[in-house]
Amino acid sequence: VKTRYLSTINKTIMEVKERVINLLSEKLGYDKLEIKENQEFVNDLGTDSLDMAEIVMGIEDEFGLVIGDDEIMQVKTVGDLIKKIENKRMGR
């Protein structure tokens, strides 16, 4: 049972990652294969505050979440955003 639970969690994490990368690709114009979890939004992907606002709105629509301004200020990398979504979906 524990293995099945962990498998489901890993599948969910991969689904979140895929959906985030798809959204970023669409919003920022990068190929999906170019977007990596360790990339920083500002330094590596060249996002500005307007881009981030659009990304947040897209994430909120895609996942049915609300991400506050204070929360998004903590997000520096693609991986940070994925973790933020995972945590919010798990009620953390």
Protein backbone atom coordinates (compact mmCIF):
# COMPACT_ATOMS: atom_id res chain seq x y z
CA VAL A 1 0.00 0.00 0.00
CA LYS A 2 2.83 2.40 0.88
CA THR A 3 4.54 1.76 -2.48
CA ARG A 4 1.29 2.45 -4.33
CA TYR A 5 0.84 5.69 -2.35
CA LEU A 6 4.38 6.85 -3.19
CA SER A 7 3.84 5.91 -6.82
CA THR A 8 0.69 8.05 -6.88
CA ILE A 9 2.56 10.98 -5.30
CA ASN A 10 5.38 10.70 -7.85
CA LYS A 11 2.85 10.55 -10.69
CA THR A 12 1.12 13.65 -9.34
CA ILE A 13 4.43 15.52 -9.03
CA MET A 14 5.31 14.62 -12.63
CA GLU A 15 1.87 15.79 -13.77
CA VAL A 16 2.31 19.13 -11.99
CA LYS A 17 5.79 19.56 -13.49
CA GLU A 18 4.52 18.78 -16.99
CA ARG A 19 1.58 21.17 -16.70
CA VAL A 20 3.80 23.96 -15.33
CA ILE A 21 6.36 23.52 -18.10
CA ASN A 22 3.61 23.50 -20.74
CA LEU A 23 2.19 26.73 -19.33
CA LEU A 24 5.61 28.40 -19.14
CA SER A 25 6.38 27.34 -22.69
CA GLU A 26 3.14 28.88 -23.87
CA LYS A 27 3.50 32.12 -21.87
CA LEU A 28 7.22 32.73 -22.41
CA GLY A 29 7.72 31.28 -25.89
CA TYR A 30 10.36 28.70 -24.96
CA ASP A 31 10.39 25.13 -26.21
CA LYS A 32 9.26 22.75 -23.45
CA LEU A 33 12.60 20.94 -23.58
CA GLU A 34 14.47 24.18 -22.84
CA ILE A 35 12.70 24.76 -19.51
CA LYS A 36 14.41 23.16 -16.51
CA GLU A 37 13.52 23.13 -12.82
CA ASN A 38 16.74 24.86 -11.76
CA GLN A 39 16.22 27.84 -14.07
CA GLU A 40 15.56 31.20 -12.45
CA PHE A 41 12.63 33.17 -13.80
CA VAL A 42 14.45 36.50 -13.99
CA ASN A 43 18.06 35.56 -14.75
CA ASP A 44 17.53 32.50 -16.99
CA LEU A 45 14.08 32.94 -18.51
CA GLY A 46 14.09 36.75 -18.67
CA THR A 47 10.71 37.24 -17.00
CA ASP A 48 9.60 40.61 -15.70
CA SER A 49 6.80 41.46 -13.27
CA LEU A 50 4.16 41.46 -16.04
CA ASP A 51 5.30 37.99 -17.20
CA MET A 52 5.12 36.71 -13.61
CA ALA A 53 1.62 38.14 -13.17
CA GLU A 54 0.51 36.31 -16.33
CA ILE A 55 2.19 33.10 -15.18
CA VAL A 56 0.50 33.30 -11.77
CA MET A 57 -2.91 33.88 -13.38
CA GLY A 58 -2.31 30.91 -15.67
CA ILE A 59 -1.24 28.70 -12.76
CA GLU A 60 -4.26 29.75 -10.70
CA ASP A 61 -6.58 28.91 -13.61
CA GLU A 62 -4.80 25.65 -14.45
CA PHE A 63 -4.74 24.29 -10.90
CA GLY A 64 -7.67 26.11 -9.27
CA LEU A 65 -5.38 27.74 -6.70
CA VAL A 66 -4.82 31.20 -5.33
CA ILE A 67 -1.21 32.30 -4.97
CA GLY A 68 -0.68 35.49 -2.97
CA ASP A 69 1.79 38.21 -3.90
CA ASP A 70 3.87 37.42 -0.82
CA GLU A 71 4.02 33.75 -1.85
CA ILE A 72 5.07 34.44 -5.43
CA MET A 73 7.87 36.72 -4.19
CA GLN A 74 9.48 33.59 -2.67
CA VAL A 75 9.47 31.80 -6.04
CA LYS A 76 12.80 32.21 -7.80
CA THR A 77 13.07 29.07 -9.96
CA VAL A 78 10.77 26.83 -11.98
CA GLY A 79 11.30 24.17 -9.31
CA ASP A 80 10.20 26.62 -6.61
CA LEU A 81 6.96 27.19 -8.49
CA ILE A 82 6.35 23.46 -8.89
CA LYS A 83 6.93 22.92 -5.15
CA LYS A 84 4.63 25.83 -4.28
CA ILE A 85 1.84 24.27 -6.36
CA GLU A 86 2.40 20.82 -4.87
CA ASN A 87 2.31 22.23 -1.34
CA LYS A 88 -0.85 24.22 -1.98
CA ARG A 89 -2.55 21.18 -3.50
CA MET A 90 -1.64 19.17 -0.40
CA GLY A 91 -2.98 21.90 1.89
CA ARG A 92 0.40 23.09 3.15
